[in-house]
Amino acid sequence: MQTESDADQTPDNSSPKVRLAEGQEVSLGCGTLILIALIVLIFGRSKTGDLEKEIQGLRSEVVELRKAIEMQAEQLQGIQKKLNATTVGE
């Protein structure tokens, strides 16, 4: 014989249940879950355009930073060559 606590612990292969209050459960059917997913999809996508623009802006900033780093690396190499030439000449 199963007690109430044992029944809560056994896996249930039916639809997901939501507890409203102590002892009250609501079964969510497949259609309800699909409807919830569609609502989340529709309203969740509304701000992705802004996010995509922000990501594109960040990508262009990264490209600019890489160019600046390359330019500084070239300048440092030039300075290093000048320093090596002056120390060799002494």
PDB file of N, CA and C in Angstrom:
ATOM      1  N   MET A   1       0.832  -1.184   0.000  1.00  0.00           N
ATOM      2  CA  MET A   1       0.000   0.000   0.000  1.00  0.00           C
ATOM      3  C   MET A   1       0.875   1.244   0.000  1.00  0.00           C
ATOM      4  N   GLN A   2       0.585   2.186  -0.878  1.00  0.00           N
ATOM      5  CA  GLN A   2       1.355   3.417  -0.961  1.00  0.00           C
ATOM      6  C   GLN A   2       0.721   4.481  -0.086  1.00  0.00           C
ATOM      7  N   THR A   3       1.602   5.164   0.618  1.00  0.00           N
ATOM      8  CA  THR A   3       1.104   6.301   1.381  1.00  0.00           C
ATOM      9  C   THR A   3       1.148   7.522   0.478  1.00  0.00           C
ATOM     10  N   GLU A   4       0.629   8.631   0.984  1.00  0.00           N
ATOM     11  CA  GLU A   4       0.583   9.846   0.175  1.00  0.00           C
ATOM     12  C   GLU A   4       1.992  10.351  -0.152  1.00  0.00           C
ATOM     13  N   SER A   5       2.930  10.206   0.804  1.00  0.00           N
ATOM     14  CA  SER A   5       4.301  10.668   0.545  1.00  0.00           C
ATOM     15  C   SER A   5       4.993   9.774  -0.461  1.00  0.00           C
ATOM     16  N   ASP A   6       4.688   8.457  -0.465  1.00  0.00           N
ATOM     17  CA  ASP A   6       5.264   7.558  -1.451  1.00  0.00           C
ATOM     18  C   ASP A   6       4.744   7.880  -2.841  1.00  0.00           C
ATOM     19  N   ALA A   7       3.499   8.247  -2.953  1.00  0.00           N
ATOM     20  CA  ALA A   7       2.905   8.580  -4.249  1.00  0.00           C
ATOM     21  C   ALA A   7       3.543   9.829  -4.827  1.00  0.00           C
ATOM     22  N   ASP A   8       3.940  10.764  -3.977  1.00  0.00           N
ATOM     23  CA  ASP A   8       4.597  11.984  -4.454  1.00  0.00           C
ATOM     24  C   ASP A   8       5.985  11.693  -5.000  1.00  0.00           C
ATOM     25  N   GLN A   9       6.635  10.636  -4.517  1.00  0.00           N
ATOM     26  CA  GLN A   9       8.009  10.352  -4.904  1.00  0.00           C
ATOM     27  C   GLN A   9       8.107   9.464  -6.135  1.00  0.00           C
ATOM     28  N   THR A  10       7.074   8.756  -6.495  1.00  0.00           N
ATOM     29  CA  THR A  10       7.131   7.889  -7.661  1.00  0.00           C
ATOM     30  C   THR A  10       7.037   8.720  -8.925  1.00  0.00           C
ATOM     31  N   PRO A  11       7.862   8.368  -9.935  1.00  0.00           N
ATOM     32  CA  PRO A  11       7.818   9.143 -11.176  1.00  0.00           C
ATOM     33  C   PRO A  11       6.486   8.940 -11.886  1.00  0.00           C
ATOM     34  N   ASP A  12       5.953  10.007 -12.422  1.00  0.00           N
ATOM     35  CA  ASP A  12       4.666   9.977 -13.110  1.00  0.00           C
ATOM     36  C   ASP A  12       4.926  10.262 -14.585  1.00  0.00           C
ATOM     37  N   ASN A  13       4.522   9.373 -15.469  1.00  0.00           N
ATOM     38  CA  ASN A  13       4.778   9.537 -16.898  1.00  0.00           C
ATOM     39  C   ASN A  13       3.700  10.347 -17.605  1.00  0.00           C
ATOM     40  N   SER A  14       2.741  10.871 -16.864  1.00  0.00           N
ATOM     41  CA  SER A  14       1.692  11.675 -17.488  1.00  0.00           C
ATOM     42  C   SER A  14       2.192  13.101 -17.674  1.00  0.00           C
ATOM     43  N   SER A  15       1.307  14.004 -18.041  1.00  0.00           N
ATOM     44  CA  SER A  15       1.692  15.387 -18.308  1.00  0.00           C
ATOM     45  C   SER A  15       2.196  16.069 -17.039  1.00  0.00           C
ATOM     46  N   PRO A  16       2.994  17.150 -17.200  1.00  0.00           N
ATOM     47  CA  PRO A  16       3.546  17.856 -16.044  1.00  0.00           C
ATOM     48  C   PRO A  16       2.439  18.406 -15.156  1.00  0.00           C
ATOM     49  N   LYS A  17       2.731  18.471 -13.882  1.00  0.00           N
ATOM     50  CA  LYS A  17       1.739  18.971 -12.934  1.00  0.00           C
ATOM     51  C   LYS A  17       2.282  20.220 -12.255  1.00  0.00           C
ATOM     52  N   VAL A  18       1.390  21.141 -11.980  1.00  0.00           N
ATOM     53  CA  VAL A  18       1.725  22.369 -11.276  1.00  0.00           C
ATOM     54  C   VAL A  18       0.935  22.367  -9.981  1.00  0.00           C
ATOM     55  N   ARG A  19       1.615  22.603  -8.883  1.00  0.00           N
ATOM     56  CA  ARG A  19       0.929  22.638  -7.587  1.00  0.00           C
ATOM     57  C   ARG A  19       0.405  24.049  -7.344  1.00  0.00           C
ATOM     58  N   LEU A  20      -0.876  24.158  -7.106  1.00  0.00           N
ATOM     59  CA  LEU A  20      -1.483  25.446  -6.792  1.00  0.00           C
ATOM     60  C   LEU A  20      -1.422  25.710  -5.297  1.00  0.00           C
ATOM     61  N   ALA A  21      -1.825  24.764  -4.513  1.00  0.00           N
ATOM     62  CA  ALA A  21      -1.818  24.862  -3.060  1.00  0.00           C
ATOM     63  C   ALA A  21      -1.641  23.444  -2.534  1.00  0.00           C
ATOM     64  N   GLU A  22      -1.568  23.311  -1.266  1.00  0.00           N
ATOM     65  CA  GLU A  22      -1.374  21.996  -0.663  1.00  0.00           C
ATOM     66  C   GLU A  22      -2.450  21.027  -1.140  1.00  0.00           C
ATOM     67  N   GLY A  23      -2.026  19.992  -1.828  1.00  0.00           N
ATOM     68  CA  GLY A  23      -2.946  18.969  -2.277  1.00  0.00           C
ATOM     69  C   GLY A  23      -3.639  19.243  -3.596  1.00  0.00           C
ATOM     70  N   GLN A  24      -3.504  20.446  -4.165  1.00  0.00           N
ATOM     71  CA  GLN A  24      -4.145  20.768  -5.435  1.00  0.00           C
ATOM     72  C   GLN A  24      -3.108  20.708  -6.548  1.00  0.00           C
ATOM     73  N   GLU A  25      -3.419  20.029  -7.617  1.00  0.00           N
ATOM     74  CA  GLU A  25      -2.523  19.921  -8.765  1.00  0.00           C
ATOM     75  C   GLU A  25      -3.292  20.208 -10.034  1.00  0.00           C
ATOM     76  N   VAL A  26      -2.606  20.769 -11.023  1.00  0.00           N
ATOM     77  CA  VAL A  26      -3.196  21.040 -12.323  1.00  0.00           C
ATOM     78  C   VAL A  26      -2.333  20.338 -13.356  1.00  0.00           C
ATOM     79  N   SER A  27      -2.918  19.576 -14.238  1.00  0.00           N
ATOM     80  CA  SER A  27      -2.165  18.911 -15.297  1.00  0.00           C
ATOM     81  C   SER A  27      -2.068  19.844 -16.503  1.00  0.00           C
ATOM     82  N   LEU A  28      -0.858  19.993 -17.009  1.00  0.00           N
ATOM     83  CA  LEU A  28      -0.661  20.793 -18.214  1.00  0.00           C
ATOM     84  C   LEU A  28      -0.563  19.849 -19.398  1.00  0.00           C
ATOM     85  N   GLY A  29      -1.476  19.977 -20.328  1.00  0.00           N
ATOM     86  CA  GLY A  29      -1.462  19.135 -21.505  1.00  0.00           C
ATOM     87  C   GLY A  29      -0.436  19.616 -22.516  1.00  0.00           C
ATOM     88  N   CYS A  30      -0.232  18.838 -23.536  1.00  0.00           N
ATOM     89  CA  CYS A  30       0.729  19.153 -24.587  1.00  0.00           C
ATOM     90  C   CYS A  30       0.379  20.465 -25.282  1.00  0.00           C
ATOM     91  N   GLY A  31      -0.894  20.669 -25.561  1.00  0.00           N
ATOM     92  CA  GLY A  31      -1.324  21.901 -26.227  1.00  0.00           C
ATOM     93  C   GLY A  31      -1.038  23.132 -25.389  1.00  0.00           C
ATOM     94  N   THR A  32      -1.241  23.019 -24.084  1.00  0.00           N
ATOM     95  CA  THR A  32      -0.969  24.139 -23.185  1.00  0.00           C
ATOM     96  C   THR A  32       0.518  24.469 -23.184  1.00  0.00           C
ATOM     97  N   LEU A  33       1.340  23.444 -23.134  1.00  0.00           N
ATOM     98  CA  LEU A  33       2.793  23.664 -23.142  1.00  0.00           C
ATOM     99  C   LEU A  33       3.253  24.292 -24.454  1.00  0.00           C
ATOM    100  N   ILE A  34       2.666  23.858 -25.564  1.00  0.00           N
ATOM    101  CA  ILE A  34       3.007  24.449 -26.864  1.00  0.00           C
ATOM    102  C   ILE A  34       2.576  25.905 -26.908  1.00  0.00           C
ATOM    103  N   LEU A  35       1.394  26.201 -26.384  1.00  0.00           N
ATOM    104  CA  LEU A  35       0.907  27.579 -26.344  1.00  0.00           C
ATOM    105  C   LEU A  35       1.825  28.465 -25.503  1.00  0.00           C
ATOM    106  N   ILE A  36       2.250  27.970 -24.363  1.00  0.00           N
ATOM    107  CA  ILE A  36       3.180  28.729 -23.517  1.00  0.00           C
ATOM    108  C   ILE A  36       4.490  28.969 -24.261  1.00  0.00           C
ATOM    109  N   ALA A  37       4.996  27.946 -24.940  1.00  0.00           N
ATOM    110  CA  ALA A  37       6.245  28.091 -25.692  1.00  0.00           C
ATOM    111  C   ALA A  37       6.105  29.121 -26.805  1.00  0.00           C
ATOM    112  N   LEU A  38       4.967  29.128 -27.493  1.00  0.00           N
ATOM    113  CA  LEU A  38       4.741  30.112 -28.559  1.00  0.00           C
ATOM    114  C   LEU A  38       4.674  31.530 -28.010  1.00  0.00           C
ATOM    115  N   ILE A  39       4.020  31.705 -26.877  1.00  0.00           N
ATOM    116  CA  ILE A  39       3.944  33.036 -26.265  1.00  0.00           C
ATOM    117  C   ILE A  39       5.338  33.526 -25.891  1.00  0.00           C
ATOM    118  N   VAL A  40       6.118  32.644 -25.290  1.00  0.00           N
ATOM    119  CA  VAL A  40       7.492  33.012 -24.920  1.00  0.00           C
ATOM    120  C   VAL A  40       8.304  33.338 -26.165  1.00  0.00           C
ATOM    121  N   LEU A  41       8.143  32.553 -27.214  1.00  0.00           N
ATOM    122  CA  LEU A  41       8.868  32.786 -28.459  1.00  0.00           C
ATOM    123  C   LEU A  41       8.505  34.123 -29.082  1.00  0.00           C
ATOM    124  N   ILE A  42       7.222  34.422 -29.140  1.00  0.00           N
ATOM    125  CA  ILE A  42       6.760  35.669 -29.768  1.00  0.00           C
ATOM    126  C   ILE A  42       7.226  36.879 -28.975  1.00  0.00           C
ATOM    127  N   PHE A  43       6.990  36.879 -27.680  1.00  0.00           N
ATOM    128  CA  PHE A  43       7.341  38.052 -26.884  1.00  0.00           C
ATOM    129  C   PHE A  43       8.822  38.088 -26.533  1.00  0.00           C
ATOM    130  N   GLY A  44       9.485  36.965 -26.569  1.00  0.00           N
ATOM    131  CA  GLY A  44      10.918  36.924 -26.292  1.00  0.00           C
ATOM    132  C   GLY A  44      11.747  37.433 -27.462  1.00  0.00           C
ATOM    133  N   ARG A  45      11.238  37.310 -28.679  1.00  0.00           N
ATOM    134  CA  ARG A  45      11.969  37.741 -29.868  1.00  0.00           C
ATOM    135  C   ARG A  45      11.881  39.243 -30.106  1.00  0.00           C
ATOM    136  N   SER A  46      11.027  39.938 -29.394  1.00  0.00           N
ATOM    137  CA  SER A  46      10.799  41.353 -29.687  1.00  0.00           C
ATOM    138  C   SER A  46      12.044  42.201 -29.468  1.00  0.00           C
ATOM    139  N   LYS A  47      12.904  41.828 -28.559  1.00  0.00           N
ATOM    140  CA  LYS A  47      14.083  42.637 -28.261  1.00  0.00           C
ATOM    141  C   LYS A  47      15.354  42.083 -28.897  1.00  0.00           C
ATOM    142  N   THR A  48      15.262  41.026 -29.679  1.00  0.00           N
ATOM    143  CA  THR A  48      16.470  40.465 -30.269  1.00  0.00           C
ATOM    144  C   THR A  48      17.047  41.371 -31.345  1.00  0.00           C
ATOM    145  N   GLY A  49      16.221  42.193 -31.981  1.00  0.00           N
ATOM    146  CA  GLY A  49      16.732  43.132 -32.983  1.00  0.00           C
ATOM    147  C   GLY A  49      17.692  44.119 -32.344  1.00  0.00           C
ATOM    148  N   ASP A  50      17.328  44.645 -31.189  1.00  0.00           N
ATOM    149  CA  ASP A  50      18.206  45.552 -30.465  1.00  0.00           C
ATOM    150  C   ASP A  50      19.483  44.845 -30.047  1.00  0.00           C
ATOM    151  N   LEU A  51      19.336  43.607 -29.602  1.00  0.00           N
ATOM    152  CA  LEU A  51      20.486  42.835 -29.167  1.00  0.00           C
ATOM    153  C   LEU A  51      21.419  42.547 -30.339  1.00  0.00           C
ATOM    154  N   GLU A  52      20.850  42.231 -31.490  1.00  0.00           N
ATOM    155  CA  GLU A  52      21.675  41.967 -32.672  1.00  0.00           C
ATOM    156  C   GLU A  52      22.438  43.222 -33.099  1.00  0.00           C
ATOM    157  N   LYS A  53      21.788  44.388 -33.012  1.00  0.00           N
ATOM    158  CA  LYS A  53      22.473  45.645 -33.344  1.00  0.00           C
ATOM    159  C   LYS A  53      23.623  45.900 -32.373  1.00  0.00           C
ATOM    160  N   GLU A  54      23.379  45.639 -31.106  1.00  0.00           N
ATOM    161  CA  GLU A  54      24.420  45.846 -30.100  1.00  0.00           C
ATOM    162  C   GLU A  54      25.598  44.898 -30.325  1.00  0.00           C
ATOM    163  N   ILE A  55      25.303  43.659 -30.666  1.00  0.00           N
ATOM    164  CA  ILE A  55      26.361  42.686 -30.945  1.00  0.00           C
ATOM    165  C   ILE A  55      27.171  43.118 -32.160  1.00  0.00           C
ATOM    166  N   GLN A  56      26.492  43.591 -33.199  1.00  0.00           N
ATOM    167  CA  GLN A  56      27.191  44.059 -34.399  1.00  0.00           C
ATOM    168  C   GLN A  56      28.095  45.240 -34.053  1.00  0.00           C
ATOM    169  N   GLY A  57      27.604  46.163 -33.219  1.00  0.00           N
ATOM    170  CA  GLY A  57      28.421  47.293 -32.791  1.00  0.00           C
ATOM    171  C   GLY A  57      29.644  46.838 -32.016  1.00  0.00           C
ATOM    172  N   LEU A  58      29.473  45.851 -31.158  1.00  0.00           N
ATOM    173  CA  LEU A  58      30.606  45.321 -30.395  1.00  0.00           C
ATOM    174  C   LEU A  58      31.619  44.636 -31.314  1.00  0.00           C
ATOM    175  N   ARG A  59      31.130  43.940 -32.319  1.00  0.00           N
ATOM    176  CA  ARG A  59      32.043  43.290 -33.267  1.00  0.00           C
ATOM    177  C   ARG A  59      32.882  44.326 -34.008  1.00  0.00           C
ATOM    178  N   SER A  60      32.256  45.419 -34.429  1.00  0.00           N
ATOM    179  CA  SER A  60      33.020  46.444 -35.145  1.00  0.00           C
ATOM    180  C   SER A  60      34.035  47.108 -34.215  1.00  0.00           C
ATOM    181  N   GLU A  61      33.689  47.280 -32.943  1.00  0.00           N
ATOM    182  CA  GLU A  61      34.651  47.832 -31.990  1.00  0.00           C
ATOM    183  C   GLU A  61      35.828  46.885 -31.785  1.00  0.00           C
ATOM    184  N   VAL A  62      35.560  45.584 -31.762  1.00  0.00           N
ATOM    185  CA  VAL A  62      36.638  44.599 -31.614  1.00  0.00           C
ATOM    186  C   VAL A  62      37.580  44.673 -32.817  1.00  0.00           C
ATOM    187  N   VAL A  63      37.024  44.828 -34.009  1.00  0.00           N
ATOM    188  CA  VAL A  63      37.848  44.945 -35.217  1.00  0.00           C
ATOM    189  C   VAL A  63      38.735  46.183 -35.118  1.00  0.00           C
ATOM    190  N   GLU A  64      38.153  47.300 -34.681  1.00  0.00           N
ATOM    191  CA  GLU A  64      38.932  48.528 -34.528  1.00  0.00           C
ATOM    192  C   GLU A  64      40.039  48.360 -33.494  1.00  0.00           C
ATOM    193  N   LEU A  65      39.728  47.690 -32.398  1.00  0.00           N
ATOM    194  CA  LEU A  65      40.741  47.459 -31.364  1.00  0.00           C
ATOM    195  C   LEU A  65      41.874  46.570 -31.876  1.00  0.00           C
ATOM    196  N   ARG A  66      41.534  45.565 -32.659  1.00  0.00           N
ATOM    197  CA  ARG A  66      42.578  44.690 -33.228  1.00  0.00           C
ATOM    198  C   ARG A  66      43.491  45.473 -34.162  1.00  0.00           C
ATOM    199  N   LYS A  67      42.906  46.362 -34.969  1.00  0.00           N
ATOM    200  CA  LYS A  67      43.719  47.186 -35.861  1.00  0.00           C
ATOM    201  C   LYS A  67      44.647  48.084 -35.053  1.00  0.00           C
ATOM    202  N   ALA A  68      44.128  48.678 -33.983  1.00  0.00           N
ATOM    203  CA  ALA A  68      44.949  49.550 -33.140  1.00  0.00           C
ATOM    204  C   ALA A  68      46.073  48.761 -32.478  1.00  0.00           C
ATOM    205  N   ILE A  69      45.787  47.550 -32.051  1.00  0.00           N
ATOM    206  CA  ILE A  69      46.817  46.705 -31.437  1.00  0.00           C
ATOM    207  C   ILE A  69      47.895  46.366 -32.442  1.00  0.00           C
ATOM    208  N   GLU A  70      47.494  46.013 -33.666  1.00  0.00           N
ATOM    209  CA  GLU A  70      48.472  45.699 -34.712  1.00  0.00           C
ATOM    210  C   GLU A  70      49.352  46.910 -35.009  1.00  0.00           C
ATOM    211  N   MET A  71      48.741  48.091 -35.068  1.00  0.00           N
ATOM    212  CA  MET A  71      49.493  49.305 -35.341  1.00  0.00           C
ATOM    213  C   MET A  71      50.484  49.583 -34.208  1.00  0.00           C
ATOM    214  N   GLN A  72      50.063  49.412 -32.974  1.00  0.00           N
ATOM    215  CA  GLN A  72      50.966  49.622 -31.851  1.00  0.00           C
ATOM    216  C   GLN A  72      52.083  48.588 -31.835  1.00  0.00           C
ATOM    217  N   ALA A  73      51.765  47.351 -32.215  1.00  0.00           N
ATOM    218  CA  ALA A  73      52.794  46.309 -32.270  1.00  0.00           C
ATOM    219  C   ALA A  73      53.849  46.661 -33.317  1.00  0.00           C
ATOM    220  N   GLU A  74      53.417  47.196 -34.472  1.00  0.00           N
ATOM    221  CA  GLU A  74      54.365  47.616 -35.505  1.00  0.00           C
ATOM    222  C   GLU A  74      55.227  48.766 -35.011  1.00  0.00           C
ATOM    223  N   GLN A  75      54.619  49.709 -34.300  1.00  0.00           N
ATOM    224  CA  GLN A  75      55.378  50.834 -33.760  1.00  0.00           C
ATOM    225  C   GLN A  75      56.397  50.358 -32.725  1.00  0.00           C
ATOM    226  N   LEU A  76      55.993  49.409 -31.889  1.00  0.00           N
ATOM    227  CA  LEU A  76      56.915  48.872 -30.893  1.00  0.00           C
ATOM    228  C   LEU A  76      58.074  48.130 -31.552  1.00  0.00           C
ATOM    229  N   GLN A  77      57.801  47.424 -32.636  1.00  0.00           N
ATOM    230  CA  GLN A  77      58.874  46.744 -33.361  1.00  0.00           C
ATOM    231  C   GLN A  77      59.855  47.754 -33.939  1.00  0.00           C
ATOM    232  N   GLY A  78      59.313  48.876 -34.472  1.00  0.00           N
ATOM    233  CA  GLY A  78      60.181  49.923 -35.003  1.00  0.00           C
ATOM    234  C   GLY A  78      61.042  50.526 -33.913  1.00  0.00           C
ATOM    235  N   ILE A  79      60.475  50.783 -32.752  1.00  0.00           N
ATOM    236  CA  ILE A  79      61.233  51.328 -31.623  1.00  0.00           C
ATOM    237  C   ILE A  79      62.285  50.325 -31.172  1.00  0.00           C
ATOM    238  N   GLN A  80      61.921  49.054 -31.123  1.00  0.00           N
ATOM    239  CA  GLN A  80      62.861  48.010 -30.710  1.00  0.00           C
ATOM    240  C   GLN A  80      64.040  47.934 -31.675  1.00  0.00           C
ATOM    241  N   LYS A  81      63.774  48.070 -32.986  1.00  0.00           N
ATOM    242  CA  LYS A  81      64.852  48.045 -33.981  1.00  0.00           C
ATOM    243  C   LYS A  81      65.772  49.236 -33.788  1.00  0.00           C
ATOM    244  N   LYS A  82      65.191  50.418 -33.520  1.00  0.00           N
ATOM    245  CA  LYS A  82      66.005  51.612 -33.296  1.00  0.00           C
ATOM    246  C   LYS A  82      66.861  51.447 -32.052  1.00  0.00           C
ATOM    247  N   LEU A  83      66.297  50.905 -30.990  1.00  0.00           N
ATOM    248  CA  LEU A  83      67.057  50.686 -29.772  1.00  0.00           C
ATOM    249  C   LEU A  83      68.178  49.676 -30.007  1.00  0.00           C
ATOM    250  N   ASN A  84      67.905  48.621 -30.728  1.00  0.00           N
ATOM    251  CA  ASN A  84      68.939  47.620 -31.019  1.00  0.00           C
ATOM    252  C   ASN A  84      70.049  48.229 -31.880  1.00  0.00           C
ATOM    253  N   ALA A  85      69.673  49.106 -32.831  1.00  0.00           N
ATOM    254  CA  ALA A  85      70.672  49.723 -33.698  1.00  0.00           C
ATOM    255  C   ALA A  85      71.559  50.688 -32.893  1.00  0.00           C
ATOM    256  N   THR A  86      70.991  51.395 -31.933  1.00  0.00           N
ATOM    257  CA  THR A  86      71.796  52.333 -31.148  1.00  0.00           C
ATOM    258  C   THR A  86      72.679  51.612 -30.152  1.00  0.00           C
ATOM    259  N   THR A  87      72.211  50.494 -29.575  1.00  0.00           N
ATOM    260  CA  THR A  87      73.041  49.753 -28.624  1.00  0.00           C
ATOM    261  C   THR A  87      74.148  48.990 -29.348  1.00  0.00           C
ATOM    262  N   VAL A  88      73.919  48.553 -30.572  1.00  0.00           N
ATOM    263  CA  VAL A  88      74.947  47.869 -31.348  1.00  0.00           C
ATOM    264  C   VAL A  88      76.009  48.879 -31.792  1.00  0.00           C
ATOM    265  N   GLY A  89      75.579  50.067 -32.114  1.00  0.00           N
ATOM    266  CA  GLY A  89      76.478  51.116 -32.589  1.00  0.00           C
ATOM    267  C   GLY A  89      77.361  51.675 -31.492  1.00  0.00           C
ATOM    268  N   GLU A  90      77.010  51.512 -30.224  1.00  0.00           N
ATOM    269  CA  GLU A  90      77.817  52.076 -29.143  1.00  0.00           C
ATOM    270  C   GLU A  90      79.019  51.301 -28.848  1.00  0.00           C
TER     271      GLU A  90
END
